[in-house]
Amino acid sequence: MRVLVTGGAGFIGSNFVRFALERHPDWRITVLDKLTYAGNLANLDDIRDRIGFVRGDIANRSDVEPLVSDCDLLINFAAETHVDRSILWADDFVRTDILGTYVLLEAARQHRLHRFIQISTDEVYGSAVTGSFTEESPLNPRNPYSASKAGADRLAFAYFVTHNVPVIITRCSNNYGPYQHPEKFIPLCITNALEDQPLPIYGDGRQVRDWIHVLDHCDALDFLIAHGQPGETYNIAGGQEHENIHIARTILETLGKPPSLIRHVADRPGHDRRYSLNTDKLARLGWHPQRQLQDGLRETIEWYRRHRSWWQPIKSGPFRDYYKKQYGSRLSASLP
């Protein structure tokens, strides 16, 4: 199997590449990654000699065409993904998430792949006041990131209907695990706590997210490559909903740090209150998550504790400017 993994130097992509090499040693995997701030070759250090790597942009046809023409399976992880950054700079999200997906779909249409896996997100549904979203629920994205992912999601489906591109769309809940960029909630809390820095918590911190370990997500994707049907959308979730404040307190307790490190700050615009997915469709096919959040979070905390050499350079670079812009004034005016 000739496999192209776009965004394979990012958090979920690099975990999937490592997972796939263990599960399918006969796969010939090529990673295409632009290596933006969130793409990190260090994520692939231990497997670089087992994969092909091309630095390139999915929105650039000349980068995409030769790689798609030589693959059977394409898994599109490439995206701008951080909601906070999309509020500050939406143009990158439109270019990569929508235009980039279009370029990949056009190449796939011309070269007739076996499968095209479009990685979407539970955020395309918007906020769940009650109940859980099914795959048939209307999309109601409420920030530039989720809007760009919803656009790519529907564009991929349109290419299945119009051009018979064998697209499978997945919408996953919040991931956590090793190699996640420290701008995201869980690694930000862990790394700040390790440095005895404040943990900025938006509003009252009672926003609810359903957490899934990244390796469970990878396992679900591998399952759907084998058992999913083109043209279908599948929700993937860990089935473990928790308030953000609970996650932050658990991290501090695990690290033996004081709860006084928690700082409630002004909420971000359009902050969705709760995400919740119904995963009966995937369960009927026979897939279920294996990792409990209590165990997975403890393992993740330990990974960041042991891998300071991975995240400290990230936090000492341009990340500082972003962090100051995003949290500086909020922290100085933190809420009681």
Protein backbone atom coordinates (compact mmCIF):
# COMPACT_ATOMS: atom_id res chain seq x y z
CA MET A 1 0.00 0.00 0.00
CA ARG A 2 1.40 3.37 -1.04
CA VAL A 3 0.24 5.87 1.57
CA LEU A 4 0.45 9.67 1.53
CA VAL A 5 0.01 11.34 4.92
CA THR A 6 -0.41 15.10 4.63
CA GLY A 7 0.39 16.99 7.80
CA GLY A 8 2.32 13.96 8.99
CA ALA A 9 4.80 15.99 11.03
CA GLY A 10 2.04 17.43 13.21
CA PHE A 11 0.55 16.03 16.39
CA ILE A 12 -2.06 13.53 15.19
CA GLY A 13 -0.35 12.93 11.85
CA SER A 14 2.98 11.90 13.35
CA ASN A 15 1.27 9.64 15.85
CA PHE A 16 -0.66 8.02 13.00
CA VAL A 17 2.50 7.46 10.93
CA ARG A 18 4.20 5.75 13.88
CA PHE A 19 1.06 3.71 14.59
CA ALA A 20 0.70 2.66 10.95
CA LEU A 21 4.31 1.53 10.67
CA GLU A 22 3.78 -0.76 13.65
CA ARG A 23 0.42 -2.07 12.44
CA HIS A 24 1.33 -2.27 8.72
CA PRO A 25 5.08 -2.72 8.23
CA ASP A 26 4.48 -3.34 4.52
CA TRP A 27 3.00 0.13 3.92
CA ARG A 28 5.19 2.57 2.01
CA ILE A 29 4.49 5.89 3.71
CA THR A 30 5.32 9.36 2.45
CA VAL A 31 4.73 12.42 4.61
CA LEU A 32 3.97 15.80 3.04
CA ASP A 33 4.22 18.65 5.51
CA LYS A 34 4.69 22.41 5.20
CA LEU A 35 6.53 22.53 8.55
CA THR A 36 4.72 25.54 9.89
CA TYR A 37 5.12 26.32 13.60
CA ALA A 38 3.01 23.22 14.42
CA GLY A 39 4.82 20.85 12.06
CA ASN A 40 7.94 19.50 13.68
CA LEU A 41 10.41 17.05 12.15
CA ALA A 42 11.45 16.10 15.67
CA ASN A 43 8.06 14.36 15.91
CA LEU A 44 9.36 11.83 13.37
CA ASP A 45 12.98 11.49 14.52
CA ASP A 46 12.71 7.86 15.54
CA ILE A 47 11.13 6.75 12.24
CA ARG A 48 12.68 9.05 9.63
CA ASP A 49 14.62 6.19 8.04
CA ARG A 50 11.38 4.23 7.50
CA ILE A 51 9.37 6.87 5.64
CA GLY A 52 9.66 9.32 2.78
CA PHE A 53 9.40 12.99 3.62
CA VAL A 54 8.61 15.95 1.36
CA ARG A 55 8.40 19.51 2.60
CA GLY A 56 5.55 21.13 0.73
CA ASP A 57 2.19 22.86 0.84
CA ILE A 58 -1.11 21.07 0.14
CA ALA A 59 -2.37 24.29 -1.44
CA ASN A 60 0.41 24.10 -4.04
CA ARG A 61 -0.48 21.89 -7.01
CA SER A 62 3.14 21.30 -7.97
CA ASP A 63 3.85 19.88 -4.50
CA VAL A 64 0.74 17.71 -4.46
CA GLU A 65 0.42 16.25 -7.97
CA PRO A 66 3.48 13.96 -8.12
CA LEU A 67 2.80 12.55 -4.66
CA VAL A 68 -0.90 11.84 -5.21
CA SER A 69 -0.14 10.20 -8.56
CA ASP A 70 2.02 7.68 -6.69
CA CYS A 71 -0.27 6.71 -3.81
CA ASP A 72 -3.22 4.42 -3.15
CA LEU A 73 -4.38 5.92 0.14
CA LEU A 74 -4.35 9.60 1.14
CA ILE A 75 -5.00 10.71 4.72
CA ASN A 76 -5.39 14.47 5.05
CA PHE A 77 -4.32 15.67 8.49
CA ALA A 78 -2.87 18.89 7.08
CA ALA A 79 -4.70 21.87 8.56
CA GLU A 80 -4.43 24.96 10.65
CA THR A 81 -6.14 23.77 13.82
CA HIS A 82 -5.99 26.16 16.78
CA VAL A 83 -9.21 28.09 17.44
CA ASP A 84 -7.41 30.91 19.26
CA ARG A 85 -5.11 31.52 16.28
CA SER A 86 -8.06 31.43 13.86
CA ILE A 87 -9.63 34.31 15.77
CA LEU A 88 -6.41 36.30 15.39
CA TRP A 89 -5.45 35.26 11.83
CA ALA A 90 -8.20 33.54 9.83
CA ASP A 91 -6.57 33.80 6.39
CA ASP A 92 -4.16 30.90 6.95
CA PHE A 93 -7.10 28.69 7.91
CA VAL A 94 -9.04 29.46 4.74
CA ARG A 95 -6.00 28.83 2.55
CA THR A 96 -4.84 25.57 4.09
CA ASP A 97 -8.04 24.00 5.32
CA ILE A 98 -10.26 24.82 2.34
CA LEU A 99 -8.05 25.60 -0.65
CA GLY A 100 -5.52 22.93 0.35
CA THR A 101 -8.22 20.28 0.63
CA TYR A 102 -9.55 21.30 -2.78
CA VAL A 103 -6.11 20.85 -4.36
CA LEU A 104 -5.81 17.38 -2.81
CA LEU A 105 -9.30 16.39 -3.96
CA GLU A 106 -8.60 17.57 -7.51
CA ALA A 107 -5.44 15.47 -7.63
CA ALA A 108 -7.31 12.49 -6.18
CA ARG A 109 -10.05 12.88 -8.81
CA GLN A 110 -7.49 12.69 -11.60
CA HIS A 111 -5.50 9.76 -10.21
CA ARG A 112 -8.25 7.50 -8.83
CA LEU A 113 -7.09 6.59 -5.34
CA HIS A 114 -8.32 3.60 -3.34
CA ARG A 115 -9.31 5.83 -0.38
CA PHE A 116 -9.21 9.49 0.61
CA ILE A 117 -9.60 10.04 4.36
CA GLN A 118 -10.61 13.61 5.23
CA ILE A 119 -9.91 14.42 8.87
CA SER A 120 -12.61 16.78 10.10
CA THR A 121 -13.58 17.70 13.68
CA ASP A 122 -16.49 17.60 16.11
CA GLU A 123 -16.33 21.40 16.19
CA VAL A 124 -18.16 21.62 12.86
CA TYR A 125 -21.39 20.87 14.75
CA GLY A 126 -21.05 23.86 17.05
CA SER A 127 -22.04 23.79 20.71
CA ALA A 128 -24.24 20.98 22.10
CA VAL A 129 -26.66 22.33 24.70
CA THR A 130 -28.15 18.89 25.32
CA GLY A 131 -27.72 15.42 23.86
CA SER A 132 -25.01 14.40 21.40
CA PHE A 133 -24.48 15.11 17.73
CA THR A 134 -24.96 12.32 15.21
CA GLU A 135 -23.46 12.32 11.74
CA GLU A 136 -26.80 13.63 10.43
CA SER A 137 -26.87 16.66 12.74
CA PRO A 138 -26.70 20.04 10.98
CA LEU A 139 -23.35 21.77 10.90
CA ASN A 140 -23.14 25.03 12.82
CA PRO A 141 -19.48 26.11 13.09
CA ARG A 142 -19.01 29.14 15.32
CA ASN A 143 -15.38 30.17 14.84
CA PRO A 144 -13.10 30.58 11.80
CA TYR A 145 -11.29 27.29 12.48
CA SER A 146 -14.41 25.14 12.64
CA ALA A 147 -15.91 27.03 9.67
CA SER A 148 -12.84 26.25 7.55
CA LYS A 149 -13.00 22.58 8.56
CA ALA A 150 -16.73 22.43 7.80
CA GLY A 151 -16.02 23.87 4.35
CA ALA A 152 -13.37 21.23 3.67
CA ASP A 153 -15.63 18.51 5.07
CA ARG A 154 -18.50 19.39 2.69
CA LEU A 155 -16.14 19.92 -0.25
CA ALA A 156 -14.80 16.41 0.26
CA PHE A 157 -18.33 14.99 0.29
CA ALA A 158 -19.17 16.95 -2.86
CA TYR A 159 -16.20 15.34 -4.63
CA PHE A 160 -17.55 11.91 -3.68
CA VAL A 161 -20.99 12.71 -5.07
CA THR A 162 -19.84 14.62 -8.15
CA HIS A 163 -16.63 12.83 -9.11
CA ASN A 164 -16.82 9.53 -7.22
CA VAL A 165 -13.64 10.26 -5.27
CA PRO A 166 -13.68 7.53 -2.55
CA VAL A 167 -13.85 9.93 0.39
CA ILE A 168 -14.42 8.93 4.00
CA ILE A 169 -14.93 11.83 6.43
CA THR A 170 -14.12 11.51 10.13
CA ARG A 171 -15.16 13.94 12.87
CA CYS A 172 -13.21 13.36 16.05
CA SER A 173 -13.49 14.81 19.52
CA ASN A 174 -10.60 16.50 21.37
CA ASN A 175 -7.32 14.57 21.17
CA TYR A 176 -4.55 14.45 23.75
CA GLY A 177 -1.25 12.58 23.99
CA PRO A 178 2.45 12.85 23.13
CA TYR A 179 3.81 15.39 20.64
CA GLN A 180 0.88 17.80 20.96
CA HIS A 181 1.93 21.42 20.51
CA PRO A 182 1.98 23.31 23.82
CA GLU A 183 -0.50 25.91 22.57
CA LYS A 184 -3.29 23.34 23.04
CA PHE A 185 -5.17 23.08 26.33
CA ILE A 186 -3.77 19.92 27.95
CA PRO A 187 -0.09 20.38 27.02
CA LEU A 188 -0.31 24.09 27.88
CA CYS A 189 -1.58 23.21 31.34
CA ILE A 190 1.05 20.49 31.80
CA THR A 191 4.03 22.53 30.62
CA ASN A 192 2.98 25.68 32.47
CA ALA A 193 2.54 23.64 35.64
CA LEU A 194 5.96 22.07 35.21
CA GLU A 195 7.41 25.58 34.99
CA ASP A 196 5.27 26.84 37.91
CA GLN A 197 3.54 29.28 35.57
CA PRO A 198 -0.18 30.21 35.72
CA LEU A 199 -2.68 28.01 33.92
CA PRO A 200 -5.00 30.39 31.98
CA ILE A 201 -8.57 29.05 32.08
CA TYR A 202 -11.17 30.77 29.94
CA GLY A 203 -14.19 32.08 31.86
CA ASP A 204 -15.48 29.75 34.55
CA GLY A 205 -13.67 26.76 33.03
CA ARG A 206 -16.85 24.71 32.82
CA GLN A 207 -16.67 24.22 29.08
CA VAL A 208 -17.12 20.49 28.38
CA ARG A 209 -14.99 18.49 25.95
CA ASP A 210 -15.03 14.79 25.08
CA TRP A 211 -11.42 13.55 25.26
CA ILE A 212 -9.85 10.75 23.26
CA HIS A 213 -6.26 9.56 23.37
CA VAL A 214 -4.52 10.17 20.06
CA LEU A 215 -3.64 6.47 19.69
CA ASP A 216 -7.32 5.52 20.02
CA HIS A 217 -8.00 8.05 17.25
CA CYS A 218 -5.29 6.44 15.13
CA ASP A 219 -6.76 3.01 15.76
CA ALA A 220 -10.21 4.23 14.70
CA LEU A 221 -8.79 5.66 11.47
CA ASP A 222 -7.00 2.41 10.70
CA PHE A 223 -10.26 0.55 11.33
CA LEU A 224 -12.18 2.85 8.97
CA ILE A 225 -9.58 2.50 6.22
CA ALA A 226 -10.43 -1.20 6.25
CA HIS A 227 -14.14 -1.11 7.11
CA GLY A 228 -15.51 2.37 6.34
CA GLN A 229 -17.62 3.07 3.27
CA PRO A 230 -16.83 5.86 0.77
CA GLY A 231 -19.26 8.73 0.99
CA GLU A 232 -19.90 8.14 4.68
CA THR A 233 -19.07 10.29 7.69
CA TYR A 234 -18.09 8.77 11.03
CA ASN A 235 -17.95 10.37 14.47
CA ILE A 236 -15.00 9.28 16.62
CA ALA A 237 -14.90 10.01 20.35
CA GLY A 238 -13.54 8.73 23.62
CA GLY A 239 -16.90 8.90 25.39
CA GLN A 240 -15.28 10.79 28.28
CA GLU A 241 -16.74 14.26 28.77
CA HIS A 242 -15.12 16.54 31.36
CA GLU A 243 -15.09 20.22 32.18
CA ASN A 244 -11.86 22.07 31.40
CA ILE A 245 -11.47 23.06 35.02
CA HIS A 246 -11.55 19.39 36.04
CA ILE A 247 -8.74 18.59 33.59
CA ALA A 248 -6.62 21.48 34.87
CA ARG A 249 -7.12 20.48 38.50
CA THR A 250 -6.27 16.84 37.71
CA ILE A 251 -3.03 17.90 36.02
CA LEU A 252 -2.02 20.02 39.01
CA GLU A 253 -2.89 17.28 41.47
CA THR A 254 -0.92 14.69 39.48
CA LEU A 255 2.14 16.96 39.39
CA GLY A 256 1.82 17.94 43.05
CA LYS A 257 1.31 21.60 42.14
CA PRO A 258 -0.96 24.04 44.01
CA PRO A 259 -4.45 24.87 42.70
CA SER A 260 -3.51 28.54 43.05
CA LEU A 261 -1.75 28.23 39.67
CA ILE A 262 -5.19 28.27 38.00
CA ARG A 263 -6.06 31.73 36.66
CA HIS A 264 -9.54 32.39 35.31
CA VAL A 265 -9.21 34.83 32.41
CA ALA A 266 -11.63 36.59 30.07
CA ASP A 267 -13.32 34.10 27.77
CA ARG A 268 -12.54 34.02 24.07
CA PRO A 269 -15.16 35.18 21.53
CA GLY A 270 -17.68 32.56 20.41
CA HIS A 271 -16.39 29.92 22.82
CA ASP A 272 -18.46 26.76 22.38
CA ARG A 273 -19.76 25.52 25.72
CA ARG A 274 -19.94 21.79 25.07
CA TYR A 275 -19.00 19.26 22.41
CA SER A 276 -20.57 15.81 22.47
CA LEU A 277 -20.65 13.10 19.82
CA ASN A 278 -22.88 10.10 19.31
CA THR A 279 -20.62 7.29 18.04
CA ASP A 280 -23.21 4.52 17.58
CA LYS A 281 -22.50 4.36 13.84
CA LEU A 282 -18.86 3.46 14.39
CA ALA A 283 -19.70 1.15 17.29
CA ARG A 284 -22.08 -0.83 15.07
CA LEU A 285 -19.14 -1.53 12.77
CA GLY A 286 -17.24 -2.94 15.74
CA TRP A 287 -14.86 -0.20 16.93
CA HIS A 288 -14.64 1.10 20.51
CA PRO A 289 -12.01 3.25 22.29
CA GLN A 290 -9.68 1.40 24.64
CA ARG A 291 -7.99 4.03 26.82
CA GLN A 292 -9.49 5.62 29.90
CA LEU A 293 -8.78 9.32 30.39
CA GLN A 294 -7.44 8.79 33.92
CA ASP A 295 -4.70 6.47 32.64
CA GLY A 296 -4.05 8.27 29.37
CA LEU A 297 -3.76 11.67 31.03
CA ARG A 298 -1.31 10.34 33.62
CA GLU A 299 0.83 8.82 30.84
CA THR A 300 0.68 12.08 28.88
CA ILE A 301 1.76 14.13 31.87
CA GLU A 302 4.71 11.78 32.37
CA TRP A 303 5.63 12.06 28.67
CA TYR A 304 5.86 15.85 28.91
CA ARG A 305 7.79 15.57 32.15
CA ARG A 306 10.36 13.33 30.45
CA HIS A 307 10.50 15.24 27.16
CA ARG A 308 11.37 18.80 28.21
CA SER A 309 13.94 18.80 25.41
CA TRP A 310 11.04 18.52 22.94
CA TRP A 311 8.72 21.24 24.25
CA GLN A 312 11.02 23.78 25.88
CA PRO A 313 12.55 24.90 22.55
CA ILE A 314 9.03 25.37 21.19
CA LYS A 315 7.96 27.53 24.11
CA SER A 316 11.14 29.59 23.98
CA GLY A 317 10.73 30.55 20.31
CA PRO A 318 8.03 32.51 18.44
CA PHE A 319 5.48 30.85 20.74
CA ARG A 320 6.34 33.52 23.31
CA ASP A 321 5.00 36.29 21.07
CA TYR A 322 1.78 34.38 20.43
CA TYR A 323 1.34 33.59 24.12
CA LYS A 324 1.83 37.21 25.11
CA LYS A 325 -0.66 38.38 22.49
CA GLN A 326 -3.25 35.77 23.45
CA TYR A 327 -2.92 35.69 27.24
CA GLY A 328 -0.82 38.67 28.38
CA SER A 329 -3.59 41.17 28.99
CA ARG A 330 -5.98 38.43 30.10
CA LEU A 331 -3.58 37.19 32.78
CA SER A 332 -2.86 40.70 34.05
CA ALA A 333 -6.60 41.21 34.46
CA SER A 334 -7.41 37.65 35.59
CA LEU A 335 -10.85 37.05 37.04
CA PRO A 336 -11.47 36.19 40.72
